[in-house]
N, C-alpha and C. Protein backbone atom coordinates (compact mmCIF):
# COMPACT_ATOMS: atom_id res chain seq x y z
N MET A 1 -0.66 17.83 3.38
CA MET A 1 0.53 17.30 2.70
C MET A 1 0.11 16.31 1.64
N ALA A 2 0.67 16.35 0.47
CA ALA A 2 0.28 15.46 -0.62
C ALA A 2 1.34 14.40 -0.84
N VAL A 3 0.90 13.25 -1.24
CA VAL A 3 1.79 12.13 -1.52
C VAL A 3 1.47 11.62 -2.91
N ALA A 4 2.47 11.31 -3.72
CA ALA A 4 2.21 10.91 -5.09
C ALA A 4 2.83 9.56 -5.39
N LEU A 5 2.56 9.07 -6.60
CA LEU A 5 3.12 7.79 -7.01
C LEU A 5 4.64 7.84 -7.00
N TRP A 6 5.26 6.73 -6.62
CA TRP A 6 6.70 6.72 -6.33
C TRP A 6 7.54 6.37 -7.51
N TRP A 7 6.97 5.91 -8.62
CA TRP A 7 7.80 5.53 -9.76
C TRP A 7 7.68 6.51 -10.92
N ILE A 8 6.95 7.62 -10.73
CA ILE A 8 6.78 8.62 -11.79
C ILE A 8 7.67 9.80 -11.46
N PRO A 9 8.29 10.42 -12.45
CA PRO A 9 9.17 11.56 -12.21
C PRO A 9 8.50 12.65 -11.39
N ASP A 10 9.34 13.42 -10.65
CA ASP A 10 8.82 14.40 -9.70
C ASP A 10 7.89 15.42 -10.35
N ASP A 11 8.23 15.91 -11.56
CA ASP A 11 7.41 16.95 -12.16
C ASP A 11 6.01 16.45 -12.47
N ILE A 12 5.91 15.21 -12.90
CA ILE A 12 4.60 14.64 -13.21
C ILE A 12 3.84 14.37 -11.92
N ARG A 13 4.51 13.86 -10.90
CA ARG A 13 3.83 13.59 -9.63
C ARG A 13 3.23 14.87 -9.07
N ARG A 14 3.99 15.97 -9.12
CA ARG A 14 3.50 17.21 -8.53
C ARG A 14 2.28 17.73 -9.27
N ARG A 15 2.20 17.49 -10.57
CA ARG A 15 1.10 18.02 -11.36
C ARG A 15 -0.18 17.23 -11.22
N TRP A 16 -0.06 15.90 -11.18
CA TRP A 16 -1.25 15.09 -11.38
C TRP A 16 -1.63 14.17 -10.23
N LEU A 17 -0.67 13.61 -9.50
CA LEU A 17 -0.97 12.46 -8.66
C LEU A 17 -0.90 12.83 -7.19
N VAL A 18 -2.04 12.98 -6.56
CA VAL A 18 -2.11 13.46 -5.19
C VAL A 18 -2.88 12.47 -4.35
N PHE A 19 -2.36 12.18 -3.19
CA PHE A 19 -3.06 11.28 -2.28
C PHE A 19 -4.12 12.05 -1.50
N LEU A 20 -4.86 11.32 -0.71
CA LEU A 20 -5.86 11.91 0.14
C LEU A 20 -5.20 12.74 1.23
N PRO A 21 -5.91 13.74 1.82
CA PRO A 21 -5.33 14.60 2.85
C PRO A 21 -5.00 13.82 4.10
N ASP A 22 -4.02 14.32 4.79
CA ASP A 22 -3.56 13.69 6.02
C ASP A 22 -4.47 14.14 7.17
N GLU A 23 -5.35 13.25 7.63
CA GLU A 23 -6.24 13.56 8.73
C GLU A 23 -6.22 12.40 9.69
N THR A 24 -6.62 12.65 10.91
CA THR A 24 -6.70 11.56 11.88
C THR A 24 -8.13 11.35 12.31
N CYS A 25 -8.44 10.14 12.69
CA CYS A 25 -9.81 9.80 13.10
C CYS A 25 -9.73 8.63 14.06
N ASP A 26 -10.54 8.69 15.13
CA ASP A 26 -10.57 7.58 16.07
C ASP A 26 -11.02 6.31 15.39
N GLY A 27 -10.47 5.19 15.78
CA GLY A 27 -10.89 3.90 15.20
C GLY A 27 -10.36 2.76 16.04
N ALA A 28 -11.14 1.73 16.18
CA ALA A 28 -10.71 0.55 16.93
C ALA A 28 -9.91 -0.36 16.03
N VAL A 29 -8.87 -0.94 16.58
CA VAL A 29 -8.07 -1.90 15.79
C VAL A 29 -8.87 -3.15 15.53
N MET A 30 -8.59 -3.81 14.39
CA MET A 30 -9.34 -5.00 13.98
C MET A 30 -8.48 -6.25 14.15
N LYS A 31 -8.98 -7.34 13.63
CA LYS A 31 -8.37 -8.65 13.89
C LYS A 31 -6.94 -8.75 13.40
N ARG A 32 -6.14 -9.61 14.08
CA ARG A 32 -4.73 -9.81 13.73
C ARG A 32 -4.60 -10.57 12.42
N VAL A 33 -3.55 -10.14 11.65
CA VAL A 33 -3.33 -10.80 10.36
C VAL A 33 -2.91 -12.25 10.58
N PHE A 34 -3.56 -13.20 9.93
CA PHE A 34 -3.18 -14.61 10.00
C PHE A 34 -2.17 -14.92 8.91
N LEU A 35 -1.28 -15.93 9.21
CA LEU A 35 -0.37 -16.43 8.19
C LEU A 35 -1.16 -17.22 7.17
N GLY A 36 -0.73 -17.15 5.90
CA GLY A 36 -1.46 -17.93 4.90
C GLY A 36 -1.03 -17.58 3.50
N VAL A 37 -1.55 -18.28 2.52
CA VAL A 37 -1.32 -18.02 1.12
C VAL A 37 -2.60 -17.58 0.49
N CYS A 38 -2.50 -17.07 -0.73
CA CYS A 38 -3.63 -16.40 -1.32
C CYS A 38 -4.69 -17.34 -1.85
N LEU A 39 -5.92 -16.94 -1.61
CA LEU A 39 -7.12 -17.51 -2.23
C LEU A 39 -8.22 -16.49 -1.96
N PHE A 40 -8.90 -16.03 -2.95
CA PHE A 40 -9.94 -15.06 -2.67
C PHE A 40 -11.30 -15.63 -3.00
N ALA A 41 -12.29 -15.20 -2.25
CA ALA A 41 -13.63 -15.76 -2.35
C ALA A 41 -14.48 -14.99 -3.35
N GLY A 42 -15.73 -15.32 -3.46
CA GLY A 42 -16.64 -14.77 -4.48
C GLY A 42 -17.25 -13.45 -4.11
N VAL A 43 -18.33 -13.17 -4.70
CA VAL A 43 -18.98 -11.86 -4.57
C VAL A 43 -19.81 -11.82 -3.31
N MET A 44 -19.74 -10.72 -2.56
CA MET A 44 -20.53 -10.57 -1.34
C MET A 44 -21.99 -10.32 -1.73
N VAL A 45 -22.84 -11.21 -1.30
CA VAL A 45 -24.24 -11.16 -1.70
C VAL A 45 -24.90 -9.90 -1.15
N GLY A 46 -25.56 -9.20 -2.06
CA GLY A 46 -26.34 -8.02 -1.68
C GLY A 46 -25.54 -6.77 -1.46
N MET A 47 -24.20 -6.85 -1.51
CA MET A 47 -23.39 -5.66 -1.28
C MET A 47 -22.64 -5.23 -2.52
N GLY A 48 -22.56 -6.07 -3.51
CA GLY A 48 -21.85 -5.69 -4.72
C GLY A 48 -20.37 -5.54 -4.52
N VAL A 49 -19.82 -6.21 -3.53
CA VAL A 49 -18.40 -6.10 -3.22
C VAL A 49 -17.74 -7.43 -3.48
N ASN A 50 -16.60 -7.41 -4.16
CA ASN A 50 -15.85 -8.63 -4.41
C ASN A 50 -15.17 -9.04 -3.12
N ALA A 51 -15.61 -10.14 -2.51
CA ALA A 51 -15.11 -10.55 -1.20
C ALA A 51 -13.88 -11.41 -1.36
N THR A 52 -12.86 -11.18 -0.50
CA THR A 52 -11.65 -11.97 -0.55
C THR A 52 -11.29 -12.44 0.85
N ASP A 53 -10.45 -13.43 0.91
CA ASP A 53 -9.86 -13.83 2.18
C ASP A 53 -8.90 -12.73 2.58
N GLN A 54 -9.23 -11.99 3.65
CA GLN A 54 -8.52 -10.77 3.96
C GLN A 54 -7.05 -11.01 4.30
N SER A 55 -6.70 -12.21 4.76
CA SER A 55 -5.34 -12.48 5.19
C SER A 55 -4.52 -13.19 4.12
N SER A 56 -5.09 -13.38 2.94
CA SER A 56 -4.49 -14.30 1.99
C SER A 56 -3.30 -13.73 1.24
N PHE A 57 -3.17 -12.41 1.16
CA PHE A 57 -2.14 -11.81 0.33
C PHE A 57 -0.80 -11.67 1.05
N TRP A 58 -0.84 -11.62 2.38
CA TRP A 58 0.34 -11.24 3.15
C TRP A 58 0.81 -12.40 4.02
N ARG A 59 2.14 -12.55 4.11
CA ARG A 59 2.76 -13.54 5.00
C ARG A 59 3.82 -12.82 5.82
N GLU A 60 3.65 -12.83 7.15
CA GLU A 60 4.57 -12.10 8.02
C GLU A 60 5.96 -12.71 7.97
N GLN A 61 6.99 -11.85 8.02
CA GLN A 61 8.39 -12.26 7.95
C GLN A 61 9.15 -11.73 9.15
N PRO A 62 10.29 -12.34 9.50
CA PRO A 62 11.11 -11.80 10.58
C PRO A 62 11.64 -10.42 10.23
N ALA A 63 11.78 -9.58 11.23
CA ALA A 63 12.34 -8.25 11.02
C ALA A 63 13.81 -8.36 10.65
N SER A 64 14.29 -7.37 9.89
CA SER A 64 15.68 -7.37 9.45
C SER A 64 16.24 -5.96 9.58
N SER A 65 17.53 -5.86 9.84
CA SER A 65 18.19 -4.56 9.94
C SER A 65 19.16 -4.33 8.79
N GLN A 66 18.97 -5.03 7.69
CA GLN A 66 19.92 -4.96 6.58
C GLN A 66 19.74 -3.72 5.72
N GLN A 67 18.56 -3.09 5.75
CA GLN A 67 18.32 -1.94 4.89
C GLN A 67 19.07 -0.71 5.40
N LYS A 68 19.38 0.20 4.48
CA LYS A 68 20.09 1.42 4.84
C LYS A 68 19.23 2.34 5.69
N VAL A 69 17.92 2.36 5.42
CA VAL A 69 16.99 3.19 6.17
C VAL A 69 15.97 2.26 6.82
N THR A 70 15.90 2.30 8.14
CA THR A 70 15.02 1.39 8.85
C THR A 70 14.11 2.18 9.79
N PRO A 71 12.79 2.01 9.69
CA PRO A 71 11.90 2.66 10.65
C PRO A 71 12.18 2.16 12.07
N ALA A 72 11.82 2.97 13.05
CA ALA A 72 12.01 2.57 14.44
C ALA A 72 11.24 1.30 14.77
N HIS A 73 10.09 1.14 14.14
CA HIS A 73 9.29 -0.07 14.32
C HIS A 73 8.61 -0.39 13.01
N TYR A 74 8.59 -1.65 12.65
CA TYR A 74 7.88 -2.07 11.45
C TYR A 74 7.58 -3.56 11.54
N LEU A 75 6.67 -4.03 10.73
CA LEU A 75 6.43 -5.45 10.54
C LEU A 75 6.71 -5.79 9.09
N ALA A 76 7.34 -6.94 8.87
CA ALA A 76 7.73 -7.34 7.52
C ALA A 76 6.80 -8.45 7.02
N TYR A 77 6.48 -8.36 5.73
CA TYR A 77 5.60 -9.34 5.10
C TYR A 77 6.10 -9.64 3.69
N THR A 78 5.77 -10.82 3.21
CA THR A 78 5.83 -11.05 1.77
C THR A 78 4.41 -10.93 1.23
N LEU A 79 4.31 -10.53 -0.02
CA LEU A 79 3.01 -10.25 -0.64
C LEU A 79 2.81 -11.13 -1.87
N ASP A 80 1.65 -11.75 -1.97
CA ASP A 80 1.27 -12.45 -3.18
C ASP A 80 0.61 -11.42 -4.10
N LEU A 81 1.44 -10.72 -4.84
CA LEU A 81 0.96 -9.61 -5.66
C LEU A 81 0.03 -10.10 -6.77
N ALA A 82 0.30 -11.26 -7.33
CA ALA A 82 -0.55 -11.78 -8.39
C ALA A 82 -1.97 -12.02 -7.88
N ALA A 83 -2.10 -12.55 -6.68
CA ALA A 83 -3.42 -12.78 -6.11
C ALA A 83 -4.14 -11.47 -5.83
N LEU A 84 -3.39 -10.49 -5.35
CA LEU A 84 -4.00 -9.19 -5.09
C LEU A 84 -4.50 -8.56 -6.38
N LYS A 85 -3.72 -8.67 -7.44
CA LYS A 85 -4.15 -8.12 -8.73
C LYS A 85 -5.42 -8.81 -9.22
N ARG A 86 -5.51 -10.10 -9.01
CA ARG A 86 -6.72 -10.82 -9.43
C ARG A 86 -7.93 -10.33 -8.65
N ALA A 87 -7.74 -10.11 -7.35
CA ALA A 87 -8.85 -9.62 -6.53
C ALA A 87 -9.30 -8.24 -6.98
N LEU A 88 -8.36 -7.42 -7.41
CA LEU A 88 -8.68 -6.05 -7.83
C LEU A 88 -9.19 -5.98 -9.26
N ALA A 89 -9.21 -7.10 -9.95
CA ALA A 89 -9.70 -7.10 -11.33
C ALA A 89 -11.20 -6.88 -11.39
N SER A 90 -11.90 -7.14 -10.29
CA SER A 90 -13.34 -6.93 -10.22
C SER A 90 -13.62 -5.96 -9.08
N LEU A 91 -14.04 -4.75 -9.43
CA LEU A 91 -14.26 -3.70 -8.44
C LEU A 91 -15.75 -3.39 -8.31
N PRO A 92 -16.19 -2.95 -7.11
CA PRO A 92 -15.38 -2.75 -5.90
C PRO A 92 -14.94 -4.09 -5.31
N ALA A 93 -13.83 -4.05 -4.60
CA ALA A 93 -13.28 -5.24 -3.96
C ALA A 93 -13.00 -4.92 -2.50
N ARG A 94 -12.99 -5.94 -1.68
CA ARG A 94 -12.65 -5.76 -0.26
C ARG A 94 -11.34 -6.47 0.01
N ILE A 95 -10.34 -5.71 0.46
CA ILE A 95 -9.02 -6.28 0.72
C ILE A 95 -8.55 -5.86 2.10
N GLY A 96 -7.65 -6.65 2.67
CA GLY A 96 -7.07 -6.33 3.96
C GLY A 96 -5.67 -5.76 3.80
N MET A 97 -5.33 -4.78 4.63
CA MET A 97 -3.99 -4.20 4.65
C MET A 97 -3.40 -4.37 6.04
N PRO A 98 -2.15 -4.83 6.14
CA PRO A 98 -1.52 -5.05 7.44
C PRO A 98 -1.04 -3.73 8.05
N ALA A 99 -1.42 -3.49 9.29
CA ALA A 99 -1.00 -2.30 10.01
C ALA A 99 0.29 -2.57 10.78
N PRO A 100 1.02 -1.52 11.17
CA PRO A 100 2.29 -1.71 11.89
C PRO A 100 2.14 -2.36 13.26
N ASP A 101 0.93 -2.34 13.82
CA ASP A 101 0.73 -2.94 15.14
C ASP A 101 0.32 -4.41 15.06
N GLY A 102 0.32 -4.98 13.85
CA GLY A 102 0.00 -6.39 13.70
C GLY A 102 -1.46 -6.69 13.41
N THR A 103 -2.30 -5.67 13.40
CA THR A 103 -3.69 -5.86 13.05
C THR A 103 -3.88 -5.74 11.55
N SER A 104 -5.07 -6.10 11.09
CA SER A 104 -5.40 -5.95 9.68
C SER A 104 -6.67 -5.13 9.56
N HIS A 105 -6.72 -4.25 8.57
CA HIS A 105 -7.89 -3.41 8.36
C HIS A 105 -8.42 -3.67 6.95
N ASP A 106 -9.72 -3.88 6.87
CA ASP A 106 -10.35 -4.24 5.61
C ASP A 106 -10.92 -2.99 4.94
N PHE A 107 -10.57 -2.81 3.68
CA PHE A 107 -10.99 -1.64 2.93
C PHE A 107 -11.84 -2.05 1.74
N GLU A 108 -12.89 -1.28 1.49
CA GLU A 108 -13.63 -1.42 0.25
C GLU A 108 -12.95 -0.54 -0.78
N VAL A 109 -12.45 -1.15 -1.83
CA VAL A 109 -11.55 -0.48 -2.77
C VAL A 109 -12.24 -0.27 -4.11
N THR A 110 -12.04 0.93 -4.65
CA THR A 110 -12.50 1.26 -5.99
C THR A 110 -11.33 1.87 -6.77
N ALA A 111 -11.52 2.05 -8.05
CA ALA A 111 -10.47 2.66 -8.87
C ALA A 111 -10.34 4.13 -8.53
N ALA A 112 -9.11 4.61 -8.48
CA ALA A 112 -8.86 6.04 -8.29
C ALA A 112 -9.03 6.75 -9.63
N GLN A 113 -9.05 8.06 -9.57
CA GLN A 113 -9.18 8.84 -10.80
C GLN A 113 -8.07 8.46 -11.77
N PRO A 114 -8.41 8.12 -13.00
CA PRO A 114 -7.38 7.67 -13.95
C PRO A 114 -6.41 8.77 -14.32
N LEU A 115 -5.25 8.36 -14.79
CA LEU A 115 -4.27 9.32 -15.29
C LEU A 115 -4.80 10.00 -16.54
N PRO A 116 -4.33 11.21 -16.81
CA PRO A 116 -4.63 11.83 -18.10
C PRO A 116 -4.16 10.92 -19.23
N PRO A 117 -4.80 10.98 -20.39
CA PRO A 117 -4.48 10.05 -21.48
C PRO A 117 -3.00 9.97 -21.84
N ALA A 118 -2.32 11.11 -21.85
CA ALA A 118 -0.91 11.10 -22.23
C ALA A 118 -0.07 10.32 -21.22
N LEU A 119 -0.36 10.50 -19.93
CA LEU A 119 0.38 9.77 -18.90
C LEU A 119 -0.01 8.30 -18.89
N ALA A 120 -1.28 8.02 -19.11
CA ALA A 120 -1.71 6.62 -19.15
C ALA A 120 -1.02 5.86 -20.27
N ALA A 121 -0.80 6.54 -21.40
CA ALA A 121 -0.10 5.89 -22.51
C ALA A 121 1.38 5.68 -22.19
N LYS A 122 1.96 6.61 -21.42
CA LYS A 122 3.38 6.53 -21.08
C LYS A 122 3.63 5.50 -19.99
N TYR A 123 2.68 5.34 -19.07
CA TYR A 123 2.83 4.42 -17.95
C TYR A 123 1.64 3.46 -17.92
N PRO A 124 1.54 2.57 -18.88
CA PRO A 124 0.35 1.71 -18.98
C PRO A 124 0.23 0.69 -17.86
N ASP A 125 1.33 0.42 -17.14
CA ASP A 125 1.29 -0.60 -16.10
C ASP A 125 0.78 -0.09 -14.76
N ILE A 126 0.64 1.22 -14.60
CA ILE A 126 0.26 1.79 -13.31
C ILE A 126 -1.24 1.66 -13.10
N ARG A 127 -1.61 1.17 -11.91
CA ARG A 127 -3.00 1.11 -11.50
C ARG A 127 -3.12 1.75 -10.12
N SER A 128 -4.07 2.65 -9.98
CA SER A 128 -4.26 3.36 -8.72
C SER A 128 -5.65 3.08 -8.17
N TYR A 129 -5.71 2.91 -6.86
CA TYR A 129 -6.97 2.58 -6.19
C TYR A 129 -7.11 3.42 -4.93
N GLN A 130 -8.34 3.56 -4.50
CA GLN A 130 -8.62 4.23 -3.24
C GLN A 130 -9.65 3.42 -2.47
N GLY A 131 -9.62 3.54 -1.14
CA GLY A 131 -10.53 2.73 -0.36
C GLY A 131 -10.82 3.35 1.00
N ARG A 132 -11.86 2.84 1.63
CA ARG A 132 -12.26 3.26 2.98
C ARG A 132 -12.62 2.02 3.79
N ASP A 133 -12.33 2.11 5.09
CA ASP A 133 -12.84 1.07 5.97
C ASP A 133 -14.07 1.63 6.70
N GLY A 134 -14.59 0.92 7.66
CA GLY A 134 -15.78 1.38 8.34
C GLY A 134 -15.51 2.29 9.51
N GLN A 135 -14.25 2.71 9.70
CA GLN A 135 -13.89 3.50 10.87
C GLN A 135 -13.14 4.77 10.50
N GLY A 136 -13.33 5.26 9.30
CA GLY A 136 -12.78 6.55 8.91
C GLY A 136 -11.40 6.51 8.28
N ARG A 137 -10.80 5.33 8.19
CA ARG A 137 -9.48 5.27 7.55
C ARG A 137 -9.64 5.30 6.04
N ARG A 138 -8.66 5.88 5.39
CA ARG A 138 -8.68 5.99 3.93
C ARG A 138 -7.39 5.44 3.35
N LEU A 139 -7.53 4.67 2.33
CA LEU A 139 -6.40 3.98 1.70
C LEU A 139 -6.13 4.55 0.33
N ARG A 140 -4.86 4.76 0.02
CA ARG A 140 -4.43 5.02 -1.34
C ARG A 140 -3.46 3.90 -1.71
N LEU A 141 -3.72 3.23 -2.80
CA LEU A 141 -2.97 2.04 -3.19
C LEU A 141 -2.55 2.18 -4.64
N ASP A 142 -1.27 1.98 -4.90
CA ASP A 142 -0.72 2.07 -6.25
C ASP A 142 0.04 0.79 -6.57
N ILE A 143 -0.18 0.24 -7.74
CA ILE A 143 0.48 -0.98 -8.17
C ILE A 143 1.06 -0.76 -9.56
N SER A 144 2.32 -1.18 -9.73
CA SER A 144 2.96 -1.12 -11.04
C SER A 144 3.86 -2.34 -11.18
N ASP A 145 4.70 -2.36 -12.21
CA ASP A 145 5.63 -3.47 -12.35
C ASP A 145 6.69 -3.45 -11.27
N LYS A 146 6.78 -2.39 -10.48
CA LYS A 146 7.72 -2.33 -9.36
C LYS A 146 7.08 -2.77 -8.05
N GLY A 147 5.84 -3.18 -8.10
CA GLY A 147 5.21 -3.67 -6.90
C GLY A 147 4.11 -2.77 -6.38
N LEU A 148 3.92 -2.80 -5.08
CA LEU A 148 2.82 -2.11 -4.42
C LEU A 148 3.34 -1.03 -3.50
N LYS A 149 2.58 0.06 -3.42
CA LYS A 149 2.80 1.04 -2.38
C LYS A 149 1.44 1.50 -1.88
N ALA A 150 1.28 1.53 -0.56
CA ALA A 150 0.01 1.92 0.04
C ALA A 150 0.25 2.93 1.14
N ALA A 151 -0.70 3.83 1.31
CA ALA A 151 -0.69 4.79 2.41
C ALA A 151 -2.09 4.80 3.02
N VAL A 152 -2.14 4.78 4.34
CA VAL A 152 -3.42 4.79 5.05
C VAL A 152 -3.48 6.04 5.91
N TYR A 153 -4.55 6.80 5.73
CA TYR A 153 -4.77 8.05 6.45
C TYR A 153 -5.98 7.91 7.37
N GLY A 154 -6.02 8.74 8.41
CA GLY A 154 -7.17 8.75 9.30
C GLY A 154 -7.08 7.78 10.46
N ASP A 155 -5.92 7.15 10.66
CA ASP A 155 -5.74 6.26 11.80
C ASP A 155 -5.34 7.09 13.02
N ALA A 156 -5.83 6.70 14.20
CA ALA A 156 -5.55 7.46 15.41
C ALA A 156 -4.06 7.51 15.72
N LYS A 157 -3.29 6.51 15.27
CA LYS A 157 -1.86 6.46 15.54
C LYS A 157 -1.04 7.22 14.51
N GLY A 158 -1.67 7.71 13.47
CA GLY A 158 -0.95 8.45 12.43
C GLY A 158 -0.96 7.72 11.10
N VAL A 159 -0.39 8.37 10.11
CA VAL A 159 -0.33 7.80 8.76
C VAL A 159 0.59 6.59 8.77
N TRP A 160 0.16 5.49 8.15
CA TRP A 160 1.05 4.34 8.00
C TRP A 160 1.16 3.93 6.55
N LEU A 161 2.33 3.39 6.24
CA LEU A 161 2.70 3.07 4.87
C LEU A 161 3.02 1.59 4.74
N VAL A 162 2.77 1.05 3.57
CA VAL A 162 3.17 -0.31 3.23
C VAL A 162 3.87 -0.24 1.89
N GLN A 163 5.13 -0.67 1.84
CA GLN A 163 5.89 -0.62 0.60
C GLN A 163 7.05 -1.60 0.65
N ARG A 164 7.64 -1.85 -0.51
CA ARG A 164 8.80 -2.73 -0.57
C ARG A 164 9.92 -2.19 0.30
N ALA A 165 10.55 -3.08 1.05
CA ALA A 165 11.60 -2.66 1.96
C ALA A 165 12.75 -2.00 1.22
N ASP A 166 13.08 -2.50 0.02
CA ASP A 166 14.25 -1.96 -0.68
C ASP A 166 14.01 -0.57 -1.23
N THR A 167 12.76 -0.11 -1.32
CA THR A 167 12.53 1.25 -1.80
C THR A 167 12.93 2.29 -0.77
N LEU A 168 13.05 1.91 0.48
CA LEU A 168 13.45 2.87 1.50
C LEU A 168 14.88 3.34 1.31
N SER A 169 15.72 2.48 0.75
CA SER A 169 17.11 2.86 0.51
C SER A 169 17.35 3.28 -0.93
N GLY A 170 16.29 3.27 -1.74
CA GLY A 170 16.45 3.65 -3.14
C GLY A 170 17.07 2.58 -3.99
N ASP A 171 17.11 1.34 -3.51
CA ASP A 171 17.77 0.25 -4.24
C ASP A 171 16.78 -0.71 -4.90
N ALA A 172 15.54 -0.28 -5.07
CA ALA A 172 14.53 -1.17 -5.64
C ALA A 172 14.86 -1.53 -7.07
N GLY A 173 14.59 -2.78 -7.41
CA GLY A 173 14.75 -3.21 -8.78
C GLY A 173 13.65 -2.65 -9.67
N SER A 174 13.77 -2.89 -10.95
CA SER A 174 12.81 -2.32 -11.89
C SER A 174 11.52 -3.11 -11.95
N ALA A 175 11.49 -4.29 -11.37
CA ALA A 175 10.28 -5.10 -11.42
C ALA A 175 10.10 -5.85 -10.11
N ALA A 176 8.85 -6.04 -9.74
CA ALA A 176 8.55 -6.81 -8.54
C ALA A 176 8.83 -8.28 -8.79
N ALA A 177 9.29 -8.96 -7.76
CA ALA A 177 9.59 -10.38 -7.86
C ALA A 177 8.81 -11.14 -6.80
N PRO A 178 8.46 -12.41 -7.04
CA PRO A 178 7.80 -13.19 -6.01
C PRO A 178 8.66 -13.23 -4.75
N GLY A 179 8.04 -13.04 -3.61
CA GLY A 179 8.78 -13.07 -2.36
C GLY A 179 9.39 -11.74 -1.95
N ASP A 180 9.12 -10.67 -2.69
CA ASP A 180 9.59 -9.36 -2.27
C ASP A 180 9.09 -9.06 -0.86
N VAL A 181 9.96 -8.49 -0.02
CA VAL A 181 9.60 -8.17 1.35
C VAL A 181 9.02 -6.77 1.40
N TYR A 182 7.89 -6.64 2.06
CA TYR A 182 7.23 -5.36 2.26
C TYR A 182 7.24 -5.02 3.74
N TRP A 183 7.35 -3.73 4.04
CA TRP A 183 7.30 -3.26 5.41
C TRP A 183 6.03 -2.46 5.63
N SER A 184 5.41 -2.66 6.78
CA SER A 184 4.31 -1.82 7.24
C SER A 184 4.81 -1.02 8.43
N PHE A 185 4.71 0.31 8.36
CA PHE A 185 5.30 1.15 9.40
C PHE A 185 4.60 2.50 9.45
N LEU A 186 4.68 3.15 10.60
CA LEU A 186 4.17 4.50 10.74
C LEU A 186 5.14 5.47 10.07
N ARG A 187 4.60 6.46 9.41
CA ARG A 187 5.45 7.46 8.78
C ARG A 187 6.33 8.15 9.82
N ASN A 188 5.79 8.37 11.02
CA ASN A 188 6.56 9.05 12.06
C ASN A 188 7.70 8.20 12.62
N ASP A 189 7.73 6.92 12.30
CA ASP A 189 8.81 6.05 12.79
C ASP A 189 10.02 6.03 11.87
N LEU A 190 9.96 6.77 10.78
CA LEU A 190 11.14 6.87 9.91
C LEU A 190 12.19 7.76 10.55
N PRO A 191 13.47 7.46 10.35
CA PRO A 191 14.53 8.33 10.88
C PRO A 191 14.46 9.70 10.23
N ALA A 192 14.95 10.69 10.94
CA ALA A 192 14.85 12.07 10.48
C ALA A 192 16.04 12.50 9.64
N THR A 193 16.87 11.55 9.19
CA THR A 193 18.05 11.90 8.39
C THR A 193 17.62 12.49 7.06
N PRO A 194 18.03 13.72 6.72
CA PRO A 194 17.61 14.32 5.46
C PRO A 194 18.10 13.51 4.27
N GLY A 195 17.23 13.35 3.29
CA GLY A 195 17.64 12.76 2.02
C GLY A 195 17.60 11.25 1.96
N THR A 196 17.32 10.58 3.10
CA THR A 196 17.33 9.12 3.06
C THR A 196 16.00 8.53 2.63
N PHE A 197 14.95 9.33 2.74
CA PHE A 197 13.64 8.81 2.36
C PHE A 197 12.79 9.94 1.85
N ARG A 198 12.09 9.68 0.76
CA ARG A 198 11.15 10.64 0.22
C ARG A 198 9.81 9.95 0.11
N GLU A 199 8.85 10.35 0.94
CA GLU A 199 7.54 9.74 0.86
C GLU A 199 6.95 10.01 -0.51
N GLY A 200 6.54 8.96 -1.17
CA GLY A 200 5.99 9.11 -2.50
C GLY A 200 7.03 9.08 -3.59
N GLY A 201 8.30 8.88 -3.24
CA GLY A 201 9.33 8.88 -4.28
C GLY A 201 10.40 7.86 -4.02
N VAL A 202 11.06 7.42 -5.07
CA VAL A 202 12.19 6.51 -4.93
C VAL A 202 13.21 6.87 -5.99
N ARG A 203 14.47 6.82 -5.62
CA ARG A 203 15.52 7.16 -6.56
C ARG A 203 15.47 6.23 -7.76
N ARG A 204 15.54 6.77 -8.95
CA ARG A 204 15.49 5.98 -10.18
C ARG A 204 16.90 5.65 -10.64
């Protein structure tokens, strides 16, 4: 199954933008995400990896039932998107992503294959990244002026997603704002109501 960028029209997504394959792989859960604000550290000596404070981008928030589409289980966070963008300015970078079970997984992130020139000119704000952890998980991460969307494949519990909560109901604004709430949840925990959610897409 393929997953594409959520802010690009369907015809373009189908042609060009494909996520990694959906596979599962055994892996041990890692340390719990700590509360905090962003600050990222320097370069990892001898590894060529931009090292960051893995917990610095995310701040856990109380769960809410206000959205039209709510996963059966999720964890809510606010994201310091500006700090994350700064960390990704020097690649490869190591960043942490919050999992639905409250743990954090650290990924070594590199740039994904760039868009074709015509699409890059049309959507200059889009940045795509891919990453791997040390236990077989694979990350696809997309950032635009609408915020962040991430998908993690290869986890023993299934595919999990991190995205703005308001995109689940199709009510996302045109630009990300400080304090936007993000949800981390398993794809299988989404309700089965047809038409309420399109993985990789959001109503424009």
